[in-house]
């Protein structure tokens, strides 16, 4: 979280608790730890993504297997009310509306949020299986 706060023209305005879930993809990897941060930034979306991928690289993120083991995975989930479908970035994140491990922490920091193209966060959560998600602690 500290590295996100150090991005140029950016500040962290909210952050969720940590949530532990079973991994998505191959099961022979450790549980995932998920969280969501709200940023206020003047960075354009692709510049923000570049900075986030640099942070992943600093944490030795390797992209050898889709949904495989990783040291850190940072995603641009939303960028205000904007939508975009670029080769490197889709906003809202294409799986956002189907992943309880993202929606639950997002609800913690923005319960009245509406996801462009998907609807109100509260509605999405009401019809979702929350699985075995457990809260660990507030960041």
C-alpha atoms as a PDB file:
ATOM      1  CA  UNK A   1       0.000   0.000   0.000  1.00  0.00           C
ATOM      2  CA  UNK A   2       2.889   2.288   0.786  1.00  0.00           C
ATOM      3  CA  UNK A   3       4.199   2.107  -2.773  1.00  0.00           C
ATOM      4  CA  UNK A   4       0.799   3.102  -4.179  1.00  0.00           C
ATOM      5  CA  UNK A   5       0.844   6.173  -1.939  1.00  0.00           C
ATOM      6  CA  UNK A   6       4.223   7.118  -3.414  1.00  0.00           C
ATOM      7  CA  UNK A   7       2.995   7.226  -7.026  1.00  0.00           C
ATOM      8  CA  UNK A   8       3.242  10.680  -8.609  1.00  0.00           C
ATOM      9  CA  UNK A   9       0.085  12.818  -8.530  1.00  0.00           C
ATOM     10  CA  UNK A  10      -1.659  10.077  -6.533  1.00  0.00           C
ATOM     11  CA  UNK A  11      -2.882   9.544  -3.016  1.00  0.00           C
ATOM     12  CA  UNK A  12      -4.557   6.620  -1.298  1.00  0.00           C
ATOM     13  CA  UNK A  13      -7.985   7.747  -0.074  1.00  0.00           C
ATOM     14  CA  UNK A  14      -9.296   4.412   1.245  1.00  0.00           C
ATOM     15  CA  UNK A  15      -8.211   0.839   1.774  1.00  0.00           C
ATOM     16  CA  UNK A  16      -9.979  -2.342   2.715  1.00  0.00           C
ATOM     17  CA  UNK A  17      -9.152  -5.097   5.112  1.00  0.00           C
ATOM     18  CA  UNK A  18      -7.203  -8.088   3.858  1.00  0.00           C
ATOM     19  CA  UNK A  19      -9.246 -11.092   2.726  1.00  0.00           C
ATOM     20  CA  UNK A  20      -7.976 -14.658   2.314  1.00  0.00           C
ATOM     21  CA  UNK A  21      -9.424 -16.879  -0.417  1.00  0.00           C
ATOM     22  CA  UNK A  22      -8.611 -20.058  -2.236  1.00  0.00           C
ATOM     23  CA  UNK A  23      -6.577 -19.373  -5.378  1.00  0.00           C
ATOM     24  CA  UNK A  24      -8.210 -18.776  -8.734  1.00  0.00           C
ATOM     25  CA  UNK A  25      -6.749 -21.097 -11.353  1.00  0.00           C
ATOM     26  CA  UNK A  26      -4.334 -23.866 -10.378  1.00  0.00           C
ATOM     27  CA  UNK A  27      -5.060 -25.146  -6.866  1.00  0.00           C
ATOM     28  CA  UNK A  28      -1.462 -26.120  -6.103  1.00  0.00           C
ATOM     29  CA  UNK A  29      -0.548 -22.648  -4.873  1.00  0.00           C
ATOM     30  CA  UNK A  30      -0.978 -20.761  -1.608  1.00  0.00           C
ATOM     31  CA  UNK A  31      -4.217 -19.006  -0.726  1.00  0.00           C
ATOM     32  CA  UNK A  32      -4.607 -15.522  -2.151  1.00  0.00           C
ATOM     33  CA  UNK A  33      -4.680 -12.435   0.029  1.00  0.00           C
ATOM     34  CA  UNK A  34      -6.899  -9.747  -1.500  1.00  0.00           C
ATOM     35  CA  UNK A  35      -7.513  -6.098  -0.743  1.00  0.00           C
ATOM     36  CA  UNK A  36      -8.782  -3.008  -2.531  1.00  0.00           C
ATOM     37  CA  UNK A  37      -7.458   0.540  -2.387  1.00  0.00           C
ATOM     38  CA  UNK A  38      -9.181   3.699  -3.543  1.00  0.00           C
ATOM     39  CA  UNK A  39      -6.812   6.118  -5.241  1.00  0.00           C
ATOM     40  CA  UNK A  40      -7.217   9.728  -6.261  1.00  0.00           C
ATOM     41  CA  UNK A  41      -4.862  10.232  -9.178  1.00  0.00           C
ATOM     42  CA  UNK A  42      -4.122  12.614 -11.997  1.00  0.00           C
ATOM     43  CA  UNK A  43      -2.271   9.859 -13.861  1.00  0.00           C
ATOM     44  CA  UNK A  44      -3.862   8.692 -17.117  1.00  0.00           C
ATOM     45  CA  UNK A  45      -5.084   5.065 -16.921  1.00  0.00           C
ATOM     46  CA  UNK A  46      -2.223   3.485 -18.905  1.00  0.00           C
ATOM     47  CA  UNK A  47       0.406   5.470 -16.997  1.00  0.00           C
ATOM     48  CA  UNK A  48      -1.174   4.283 -13.741  1.00  0.00           C
ATOM     49  CA  UNK A  49      -1.059   0.703 -15.046  1.00  0.00           C
ATOM     50  CA  UNK A  50       2.623   1.110 -15.973  1.00  0.00           C
ATOM     51  CA  UNK A  51       3.438   2.298 -12.453  1.00  0.00           C
ATOM     52  CA  UNK A  52       1.500  -0.577 -10.921  1.00  0.00           C
ATOM     53  CA  UNK A  53       3.309  -3.111 -13.097  1.00  0.00           C
ATOM     54  CA  UNK A  54       6.639  -1.598 -12.020  1.00  0.00           C
ATOM     55  CA  UNK A  55       5.634  -2.186  -8.405  1.00  0.00           C
ATOM     56  CA  UNK A  56       4.765  -5.802  -9.265  1.00  0.00           C
ATOM     57  CA  UNK A  57       8.164  -6.201 -10.925  1.00  0.00           C
ATOM     58  CA  UNK A  58       9.895  -4.807  -7.811  1.00  0.00           C
ATOM     59  CA  UNK A  59       8.146  -7.573  -5.875  1.00  0.00           C
ATOM     60  CA  UNK A  60       9.482 -10.152  -8.343  1.00  0.00           C
ATOM     61  CA  UNK A  61       6.167 -10.743 -10.102  1.00  0.00           C
ATOM     62  CA  UNK A  62       6.565 -13.315 -12.868  1.00  0.00           C
ATOM     63  CA  UNK A  63       3.911 -13.860 -15.510  1.00  0.00           C
ATOM     64  CA  UNK A  64       4.735 -17.445 -16.405  1.00  0.00           C
ATOM     65  CA  UNK A  65       1.279 -19.019 -15.986  1.00  0.00           C
ATOM     66  CA  UNK A  66      -2.170 -17.466 -16.254  1.00  0.00           C
ATOM     67  CA  UNK A  67      -3.704 -17.256 -12.781  1.00  0.00           C
ATOM     68  CA  UNK A  68      -0.610 -18.977 -11.441  1.00  0.00           C
ATOM     69  CA  UNK A  69       1.488 -18.309  -8.379  1.00  0.00           C
ATOM     70  CA  UNK A  70       2.463 -14.660  -7.986  1.00  0.00           C
ATOM     71  CA  UNK A  71       4.171 -12.503  -5.422  1.00  0.00           C
ATOM     72  CA  UNK A  72       1.894  -9.509  -6.101  1.00  0.00           C
ATOM     73  CA  UNK A  73      -0.988  -8.777  -8.457  1.00  0.00           C
ATOM     74  CA  UNK A  74      -2.164  -5.184  -8.845  1.00  0.00           C
ATOM     75  CA  UNK A  75      -5.143  -4.411 -11.079  1.00  0.00           C
ATOM     76  CA  UNK A  76      -6.878  -1.243 -12.184  1.00  0.00           C
ATOM     77  CA  UNK A  77     -10.436  -2.260 -11.342  1.00  0.00           C
ATOM     78  CA  UNK A  78     -12.172   1.033 -12.063  1.00  0.00           C
ATOM     79  CA  UNK A  79     -11.192   4.488 -13.218  1.00  0.00           C
ATOM     80  CA  UNK A  80     -14.034   6.662 -12.017  1.00  0.00           C
ATOM     81  CA  UNK A  81     -17.113   6.230 -14.215  1.00  0.00           C
ATOM     82  CA  UNK A  82     -14.988   5.653 -17.331  1.00  0.00           C
ATOM     83  CA  UNK A  83     -15.028   2.507 -19.395  1.00  0.00           C
ATOM     84  CA  UNK A  84     -12.240   1.495 -21.754  1.00  0.00           C
ATOM     85  CA  UNK A  85     -11.320  -1.530 -23.779  1.00  0.00           C
ATOM     86  CA  UNK A  86      -7.668  -1.263 -24.759  1.00  0.00           C
ATOM     87  CA  UNK A  87      -5.247  -4.090 -25.598  1.00  0.00           C
ATOM     88  CA  UNK A  88      -3.479  -3.627 -22.239  1.00  0.00           C
ATOM     89  CA  UNK A  89      -6.320  -2.421 -20.051  1.00  0.00           C
ATOM     90  CA  UNK A  90     -10.027  -3.056 -19.708  1.00  0.00           C
ATOM     91  CA  UNK A  91     -11.976  -0.894 -17.271  1.00  0.00           C
ATOM     92  CA  UNK A  92     -13.995  -1.928 -15.415  1.00  0.00           C
ATOM     93  CA  UNK A  93     -11.829  -4.995 -14.890  1.00  0.00           C
ATOM     94  CA  UNK A  94     -13.477  -7.723 -16.999  1.00  0.00           C
ATOM     95  CA  UNK A  95     -13.983 -10.140 -14.063  1.00  0.00           C
ATOM     96  CA  UNK A  96     -14.788  -7.545 -11.412  1.00  0.00           C
ATOM     97  CA  UNK A  97     -18.535  -8.191 -11.336  1.00  0.00           C
ATOM     98  CA  UNK A  98     -18.057 -11.980 -10.908  1.00  0.00           C
ATOM     99  CA  UNK A  99     -15.462 -12.095  -8.129  1.00  0.00           C
ATOM    100  CA  UNK A 100     -16.577 -11.987  -4.526  1.00  0.00           C
ATOM    101  CA  UNK A 101     -12.962 -11.645  -3.419  1.00  0.00           C
ATOM    102  CA  UNK A 102     -12.909  -8.263  -5.198  1.00  0.00           C
ATOM    103  CA  UNK A 103     -16.478  -7.098  -4.572  1.00  0.00           C
ATOM    104  CA  UNK A 104     -16.422  -7.737  -0.809  1.00  0.00           C
ATOM    105  CA  UNK A 105     -13.375  -5.540  -0.113  1.00  0.00           C
ATOM    106  CA  UNK A 106     -14.636  -2.995  -2.658  1.00  0.00           C
ATOM    107  CA  UNK A 107     -17.938  -2.855  -0.768  1.00  0.00           C
ATOM    108  CA  UNK A 108     -16.000  -2.153   2.419  1.00  0.00           C
ATOM    109  CA  UNK A 109     -14.563   1.079   0.985  1.00  0.00           C
ATOM    110  CA  UNK A 110     -17.339   2.127  -1.449  1.00  0.00           C
ATOM    111  CA  UNK A 111     -20.678   0.519  -0.512  1.00  0.00           C
ATOM    112  CA  UNK A 112     -22.764   2.840  -2.715  1.00  0.00           C
ATOM    113  CA  UNK A 113     -20.668   2.272  -5.819  1.00  0.00           C
ATOM    114  CA  UNK A 114     -22.193   1.482  -9.183  1.00  0.00           C
ATOM    115  CA  UNK A 115     -20.037  -0.545 -11.577  1.00  0.00           C
ATOM    116  CA  UNK A 116     -20.276   0.797 -15.148  1.00  0.00           C
ATOM    117  CA  UNK A 117     -22.058  -1.790 -17.281  1.00  0.00           C
ATOM    118  CA  UNK A 118     -22.849  -4.098 -14.331  1.00  0.00           C
ATOM    119  CA  UNK A 119     -24.950  -2.118 -11.869  1.00  0.00           C
ATOM    120  CA  UNK A 120     -24.906  -1.388  -8.167  1.00  0.00           C
ATOM    121  CA  UNK A 121     -22.299  -3.124  -6.065  1.00  0.00           C
ATOM    122  CA  UNK A 122     -24.914  -4.043  -3.449  1.00  0.00           C
ATOM    123  CA  UNK A 123     -27.029  -5.793  -6.112  1.00  0.00           C
ATOM    124  CA  UNK A 124     -24.056  -7.741  -7.446  1.00  0.00           C
ATOM    125  CA  UNK A 125     -23.121  -8.875  -3.938  1.00  0.00           C
ATOM    126  CA  UNK A 126     -26.693  -9.865  -3.053  1.00  0.00           C
ATOM    127  CA  UNK A 127     -26.770 -12.497  -5.795  1.00  0.00           C
ATOM    128  CA  UNK A 128     -23.206 -13.762  -5.392  1.00  0.00           C
ATOM    129  CA  UNK A 129     -21.859 -16.823  -3.614  1.00  0.00           C
ATOM    130  CA  UNK A 130     -19.329 -15.406  -1.207  1.00  0.00           C
ATOM    131  CA  UNK A 131     -17.499 -18.714  -0.850  1.00  0.00           C
ATOM    132  CA  UNK A 132     -14.924 -19.111   1.886  1.00  0.00           C
ATOM    133  CA  UNK A 133     -13.686 -15.557   2.128  1.00  0.00           C
ATOM    134  CA  UNK A 134     -12.307 -14.584   5.497  1.00  0.00           C
ATOM    135  CA  UNK A 135     -11.252 -11.144   6.645  1.00  0.00           C
ATOM    136  CA  UNK A 136      -7.786 -10.978   8.153  1.00  0.00           C
ATOM    137  CA  UNK A 137      -7.232  -7.391   9.294  1.00  0.00           C
ATOM    138  CA  UNK A 138      -7.480  -3.792   8.285  1.00  0.00           C
ATOM    139  CA  UNK A 139      -4.454  -2.528   6.353  1.00  0.00           C
END
